[in-house]
Amino acid sequence: MNEEKDINFENKIKSAKNILDKLIDPEITLQKSVNIYKDGMKELEEAQKLLDDAKFKYEEYVK
């Protein structure tokens, strides 16, 4: 199960990087860039939650 969370975290980060690449495109419209930005923020928030959960579990383990 930890491997699944690691994979999900890695996928979230890769997805955020791909979204950033899309935002760099000079041909992108403002509305599309706003939507892409929202998607990127969602991916990063989910990745942060996974990271926070892993940190909490680690801290509980070392107590």
PDB file of N, CA and C in Angstrom:
ATOM      1  N   MET A   1       0.821  -1.193   0.000  1.00  0.00           N
ATOM      2  CA  MET A   1       0.000   0.000   0.000  1.00  0.00           C
ATOM      3  C   MET A   1       0.865   1.258   0.000  1.00  0.00           C
ATOM      4  N   ASN A   2       2.005   1.235   0.692  1.00  0.00           N
ATOM      5  CA  ASN A   2       2.894   2.384   0.678  1.00  0.00           C
ATOM      6  C   ASN A   2       3.436   2.644  -0.718  1.00  0.00           C
ATOM      7  N   GLU A   3       3.714   1.559  -1.453  1.00  0.00           N
ATOM      8  CA  GLU A   3       4.192   1.727  -2.819  1.00  0.00           C
ATOM      9  C   GLU A   3       3.149   2.431  -3.668  1.00  0.00           C
ATOM     10  N   GLU A   4       1.872   2.104  -3.441  1.00  0.00           N
ATOM     11  CA  GLU A   4       0.795   2.745  -4.195  1.00  0.00           C
ATOM     12  C   GLU A   4       0.763   4.241  -3.909  1.00  0.00           C
ATOM     13  N   LYS A   5       0.936   4.622  -2.646  1.00  0.00           N
ATOM     14  CA  LYS A   5       0.947   6.040  -2.293  1.00  0.00           C
ATOM     15  C   LYS A   5       2.156   6.733  -2.900  1.00  0.00           C
ATOM     16  N   ASP A   6       3.327   6.053  -2.900  1.00  0.00           N
ATOM     17  CA  ASP A   6       4.510   6.630  -3.514  1.00  0.00           C
ATOM     18  C   ASP A   6       4.274   6.875  -4.993  1.00  0.00           C
ATOM     19  N   ILE A   7       3.673   5.895  -5.647  1.00  0.00           N
ATOM     20  CA  ILE A   7       3.389   6.031  -7.071  1.00  0.00           C
ATOM     21  C   ILE A   7       2.413   7.178  -7.300  1.00  0.00           C
ATOM     22  N   ASN A   8       1.389   7.263  -6.473  1.00  0.00           N
ATOM     23  CA  ASN A   8       0.436   8.353  -6.621  1.00  0.00           C
ATOM     24  C   ASN A   8       1.111   9.702  -6.421  1.00  0.00           C
ATOM     25  N   PHE A   9       1.997   9.795  -5.429  1.00  0.00           N
ATOM     26  CA  PHE A   9       2.712  11.043  -5.191  1.00  0.00           C
ATOM     27  C   PHE A   9       3.565  11.394  -6.403  1.00  0.00           C
ATOM     28  N   GLU A  10       4.308  10.419  -6.879  1.00  0.00           N
ATOM     29  CA  GLU A  10       5.156  10.655  -8.050  1.00  0.00           C
ATOM     30  C   GLU A  10       4.318  11.063  -9.257  1.00  0.00           C
ATOM     31  N   ASN A  11       3.191  10.405  -9.453  1.00  0.00           N
ATOM     32  CA  ASN A  11       2.320  10.750 -10.579  1.00  0.00           C
ATOM     33  C   ASN A  11       1.766  12.157 -10.445  1.00  0.00           C
ATOM     34  N   LYS A  12       1.425  12.558  -9.231  1.00  0.00           N
ATOM     35  CA  LYS A  12       0.906  13.911  -9.001  1.00  0.00           C
ATOM     36  C   LYS A  12       1.965  14.951  -9.356  1.00  0.00           C
ATOM     37  N   ILE A  13       3.197  14.709  -8.963  1.00  0.00           N
ATOM     38  CA  ILE A  13       4.282  15.647  -9.263  1.00  0.00           C
ATOM     39  C   ILE A  13       4.548  15.690 -10.768  1.00  0.00           C
ATOM     40  N   LYS A  14       4.572  14.534 -11.413  1.00  0.00           N
ATOM     41  CA  LYS A  14       4.776  14.503 -12.864  1.00  0.00           C
ATOM     42  C   LYS A  14       3.648  15.229 -13.586  1.00  0.00           C
ATOM     43  N   SER A  15       2.435  15.021 -13.126  1.00  0.00           N
ATOM     44  CA  SER A  15       1.286  15.690 -13.725  1.00  0.00           C
ATOM     45  C   SER A  15       1.404  17.203 -13.572  1.00  0.00           C
ATOM     46  N   ALA A  16       1.818  17.652 -12.398  1.00  0.00           N
ATOM     47  CA  ALA A  16       1.989  19.092 -12.171  1.00  0.00           C
ATOM     48  C   ALA A  16       3.069  19.661 -13.091  1.00  0.00           C
ATOM     49  N   LYS A  17       4.143  18.913 -13.293  1.00  0.00           N
ATOM     50  CA  LYS A  17       5.202  19.365 -14.205  1.00  0.00           C
ATOM     51  C   LYS A  17       4.682  19.452 -15.639  1.00  0.00           C
ATOM     52  N   ASN A  18       3.887  18.473 -16.049  1.00  0.00           N
ATOM     53  CA  ASN A  18       3.303  18.504 -17.394  1.00  0.00           C
ATOM     54  C   ASN A  18       2.373  19.701 -17.559  1.00  0.00           C
ATOM     55  N   ILE A  19       1.624  19.990 -16.518  1.00  0.00           N
ATOM     56  CA  ILE A  19       0.719  21.143 -16.557  1.00  0.00           C
ATOM     57  C   ILE A  19       1.524  22.431 -16.673  1.00  0.00           C
ATOM     58  N   LEU A  20       2.633  22.514 -15.949  1.00  0.00           N
ATOM     59  CA  LEU A  20       3.496  23.693 -16.045  1.00  0.00           C
ATOM     60  C   LEU A  20       4.008  23.870 -17.470  1.00  0.00           C
ATOM     61  N   ASP A  21       4.375  22.769 -18.109  1.00  0.00           N
ATOM     62  CA  ASP A  21       4.824  22.840 -19.500  1.00  0.00           C
ATOM     63  C   ASP A  21       3.729  23.403 -20.407  1.00  0.00           C
ATOM     64  N   LYS A  22       2.485  23.032 -20.143  1.00  0.00           N
ATOM     65  CA  LYS A  22       1.367  23.549 -20.943  1.00  0.00           C
ATOM     66  C   LYS A  22       1.196  25.052 -20.735  1.00  0.00           C
ATOM     67  N   LEU A  23       1.421  25.518 -19.517  1.00  0.00           N
ATOM     68  CA  LEU A  23       1.246  26.945 -19.220  1.00  0.00           C
ATOM     69  C   LEU A  23       2.302  27.817 -19.898  1.00  0.00           C
ATOM     70  N   ILE A  24       3.424  27.230 -20.224  1.00  0.00           N
ATOM     71  CA  ILE A  24       4.506  27.980 -20.870  1.00  0.00           C
ATOM     72  C   ILE A  24       4.188  28.289 -22.332  1.00  0.00           C
ATOM     73  N   ASP A  25       3.282  27.541 -22.920  1.00  0.00           N
ATOM     74  CA  ASP A  25       2.911  27.712 -24.328  1.00  0.00           C
ATOM     75  C   ASP A  25       2.406  29.138 -24.580  1.00  0.00           C
ATOM     76  N   PRO A  26       3.068  29.890 -25.464  1.00  0.00           N
ATOM     77  CA  PRO A  26       2.644  31.269 -25.724  1.00  0.00           C
ATOM     78  C   PRO A  26       1.318  31.372 -26.485  1.00  0.00           C
ATOM     79  N   GLU A  27       0.870  30.286 -27.069  1.00  0.00           N
ATOM     80  CA  GLU A  27      -0.369  30.295 -27.844  1.00  0.00           C
ATOM     81  C   GLU A  27      -1.613  30.027 -26.992  1.00  0.00           C
ATOM     82  N   ILE A  28      -1.432  29.737 -25.731  1.00  0.00           N
ATOM     83  CA  ILE A  28      -2.548  29.363 -24.869  1.00  0.00           C
ATOM     84  C   ILE A  28      -3.407  30.595 -24.545  1.00  0.00           C
ATOM     85  N   THR A  29      -4.710  30.381 -24.516  1.00  0.00           N
ATOM     86  CA  THR A  29      -5.619  31.486 -24.187  1.00  0.00           C
ATOM     87  C   THR A  29      -5.641  31.701 -22.675  1.00  0.00           C
ATOM     88  N   LEU A  30      -6.093  32.870 -22.280  1.00  0.00           N
ATOM     89  CA  LEU A  30      -6.163  33.188 -20.861  1.00  0.00           C
ATOM     90  C   LEU A  30      -7.096  32.225 -20.130  1.00  0.00           C
ATOM     91  N   GLN A  31      -8.269  31.991 -20.696  1.00  0.00           N
ATOM     92  CA  GLN A  31      -9.227  31.098 -20.036  1.00  0.00           C
ATOM     93  C   GLN A  31      -8.672  29.685 -19.898  1.00  0.00           C
ATOM     94  N   LYS A  32      -8.031  29.210 -20.953  1.00  0.00           N
ATOM     95  CA  LYS A  32      -7.462  27.863 -20.893  1.00  0.00           C
ATOM     96  C   LYS A  32      -6.326  27.810 -19.873  1.00  0.00           C
ATOM     97  N   SER A  33      -5.530  28.862 -19.805  1.00  0.00           N
ATOM     98  CA  SER A  33      -4.436  28.869 -18.834  1.00  0.00           C
ATOM     99  C   SER A  33      -4.966  28.877 -17.402  1.00  0.00           C
ATOM    100  N   VAL A  34      -6.072  29.580 -17.163  1.00  0.00           N
ATOM    101  CA  VAL A  34      -6.679  29.579 -15.826  1.00  0.00           C
ATOM    102  C   VAL A  34      -7.154  28.172 -15.464  1.00  0.00           C
ATOM    103  N   ASN A  35      -7.800  27.503 -16.397  1.00  0.00           N
ATOM    104  CA  ASN A  35      -8.274  26.136 -16.147  1.00  0.00           C
ATOM    105  C   ASN A  35      -7.117  25.169 -15.909  1.00  0.00           C
ATOM    106  N   ILE A  36      -6.078  25.303 -16.695  1.00  0.00           N
ATOM    107  CA  ILE A  36      -4.905  24.447 -16.535  1.00  0.00           C
ATOM    108  C   ILE A  36      -4.239  24.726 -15.191  1.00  0.00           C
ATOM    109  N   TYR A  37      -4.165  25.998 -14.811  1.00  0.00           N
ATOM    110  CA  TYR A  37      -3.585  26.375 -13.524  1.00  0.00           C
ATOM    111  C   TYR A  37      -4.360  25.724 -12.374  1.00  0.00           C
ATOM    112  N   LYS A  38      -5.684  25.771 -12.456  1.00  0.00           N
ATOM    113  CA  LYS A  38      -6.519  25.150 -11.412  1.00  0.00           C
ATOM    114  C   LYS A  38      -6.233  23.656 -11.313  1.00  0.00           C
ATOM    115  N   ASP A  39      -6.098  23.005 -12.467  1.00  0.00           N
ATOM    116  CA  ASP A  39      -5.780  21.575 -12.474  1.00  0.00           C
ATOM    117  C   ASP A  39      -4.427  21.320 -11.811  1.00  0.00           C
ATOM    118  N   GLY A  40      -3.468  22.167 -12.112  1.00  0.00           N
ATOM    119  CA  GLY A  40      -2.137  22.026 -11.519  1.00  0.00           C
ATOM    120  C   GLY A  40      -2.160  22.202 -10.014  1.00  0.00           C
ATOM    121  N   MET A  41      -2.904  23.184  -9.549  1.00  0.00           N
ATOM    122  CA  MET A  41      -3.007  23.416  -8.110  1.00  0.00           C
ATOM    123  C   MET A  41      -3.680  22.234  -7.415  1.00  0.00           C
ATOM    124  N   LYS A  42      -4.663  21.656  -8.071  1.00  0.00           N
ATOM    125  CA  LYS A  42      -5.339  20.479  -7.501  1.00  0.00           C
ATOM    126  C   LYS A  42      -4.352  19.322  -7.356  1.00  0.00           C
ATOM    127  N   GLU A  43      -3.554  19.089  -8.387  1.00  0.00           N
ATOM    128  CA  GLU A  43      -2.559  18.016  -8.340  1.00  0.00           C
ATOM    129  C   GLU A  43      -1.559  18.256  -7.211  1.00  0.00           C
ATOM    130  N   LEU A  44      -1.094  19.502  -7.076  1.00  0.00           N
ATOM    131  CA  LEU A  44      -0.119  19.807  -6.037  1.00  0.00           C
ATOM    132  C   LEU A  44      -0.719  19.694  -4.639  1.00  0.00           C
ATOM    133  N   GLU A  45      -1.967  20.096  -4.480  1.00  0.00           N
ATOM    134  CA  GLU A  45      -2.631  19.962  -3.178  1.00  0.00           C
ATOM    135  C   GLU A  45      -2.774  18.491  -2.793  1.00  0.00           C
ATOM    136  N   GLU A  46      -3.131  17.662  -3.760  1.00  0.00           N
ATOM    137  CA  GLU A  46      -3.259  16.228  -3.487  1.00  0.00           C
ATOM    138  C   GLU A  46      -1.899  15.614  -3.159  1.00  0.00           C
ATOM    139  N   ALA A  47      -0.859  16.056  -3.863  1.00  0.00           N
ATOM    140  CA  ALA A  47       0.489  15.567  -3.570  1.00  0.00           C
ATOM    141  C   ALA A  47       0.909  15.994  -2.166  1.00  0.00           C
ATOM    142  N   GLN A  48       0.581  17.223  -1.789  1.00  0.00           N
ATOM    143  CA  GLN A  48       0.924  17.709  -0.450  1.00  0.00           C
ATOM    144  C   GLN A  48       0.212  16.899   0.628  1.00  0.00           C
ATOM    145  N   LYS A  49      -1.035  16.543   0.383  1.00  0.00           N
ATOM    146  CA  LYS A  49      -1.775  15.722   1.350  1.00  0.00           C
ATOM    147  C   LYS A  49      -1.107  14.358   1.518  1.00  0.00           C
ATOM    148  N   LEU A  50      -0.683  13.762   0.415  1.00  0.00           N
ATOM    149  CA  LEU A  50       0.012  12.477   0.490  1.00  0.00           C
ATOM    150  C   LEU A  50       1.320  12.611   1.267  1.00  0.00           C
ATOM    151  N   LEU A  51       2.031  13.699   1.026  1.00  0.00           N
ATOM    152  CA  LEU A  51       3.290  13.938   1.723  1.00  0.00           C
ATOM    153  C   LEU A  51       3.057  14.168   3.214  1.00  0.00           C
ATOM    154  N   ASP A  52       2.046  14.949   3.554  1.00  0.00           N
ATOM    155  CA  ASP A  52       1.715  15.197   4.960  1.00  0.00           C
ATOM    156  C   ASP A  52       1.333  13.904   5.668  1.00  0.00           C
ATOM    157  N   ASP A  53       0.575  13.059   4.978  1.00  0.00           N
ATOM    158  CA  ASP A  53       0.166  11.780   5.554  1.00  0.00           C
ATOM    159  C   ASP A  53       1.382  10.896   5.815  1.00  0.00           C
ATOM    160  N   ALA A  54       2.295  10.858   4.878  1.00  0.00           N
ATOM    161  CA  ALA A  54       3.506  10.055   5.048  1.00  0.00           C
ATOM    162  C   ALA A  54       4.350  10.597   6.200  1.00  0.00           C
ATOM    163  N   LYS A  55       4.441  11.908   6.309  1.00  0.00           N
ATOM    164  CA  LYS A  55       5.206  12.522   7.400  1.00  0.00           C
ATOM    165  C   LYS A  55       4.578  12.180   8.750  1.00  0.00           C
ATOM    166  N   PHE A  56       3.263  12.259   8.833  1.00  0.00           N
ATOM    167  CA  PHE A  56       2.568  11.932  10.077  1.00  0.00           C
ATOM    168  C   PHE A  56       2.831  10.482  10.476  1.00  0.00           C
ATOM    169  N   LYS A  57       2.719   9.578   9.516  1.00  0.00           N
ATOM    170  CA  LYS A  57       2.946   8.161   9.802  1.00  0.00           C
ATOM    171  C   LYS A  57       4.388   7.915  10.248  1.00  0.00           C
ATOM    172  N   TYR A  58       5.324   8.599   9.622  1.00  0.00           N
ATOM    173  CA  TYR A  58       6.729   8.460  10.005  1.00  0.00           C
ATOM    174  C   TYR A  58       6.944   8.958  11.433  1.00  0.00           C
ATOM    175  N   GLU A  59       6.383  10.125  11.746  1.00  0.00           N
ATOM    176  CA  GLU A  59       6.548  10.688  13.084  1.00  0.00           C
ATOM    177  C   GLU A  59       5.920   9.788  14.145  1.00  0.00           C
ATOM    178  N   GLU A  60       4.793   9.171  13.830  1.00  0.00           N
ATOM    179  CA  GLU A  60       4.165   8.248  14.765  1.00  0.00           C
ATOM    180  C   GLU A  60       5.026   6.995  14.944  1.00  0.00           C
ATOM    181  N   TYR A  61       5.663   6.576  13.882  1.00  0.00           N
ATOM    182  CA  TYR A  61       6.492   5.370  13.921  1.00  0.00           C
ATOM    183  C   TYR A  61       7.733   5.568  14.790  1.00  0.00           C
ATOM    184  N   VAL A  62       8.357   6.745  14.699  1.00  0.00           N
ATOM    185  CA  VAL A  62       9.607   6.972  15.425  1.00  0.00           C
ATOM    186  C   VAL A  62       9.390   7.365  16.880  1.00  0.00           C
ATOM    187  N   LYS A  63       8.164   7.556  17.308  1.00  0.00           N
ATOM    188  CA  LYS A  63       7.897   7.903  18.717  1.00  0.00           C
ATOM    189  C   LYS A  63       8.140   6.739  19.629  1.00  0.00           C
TER     190      LYS A  63
END
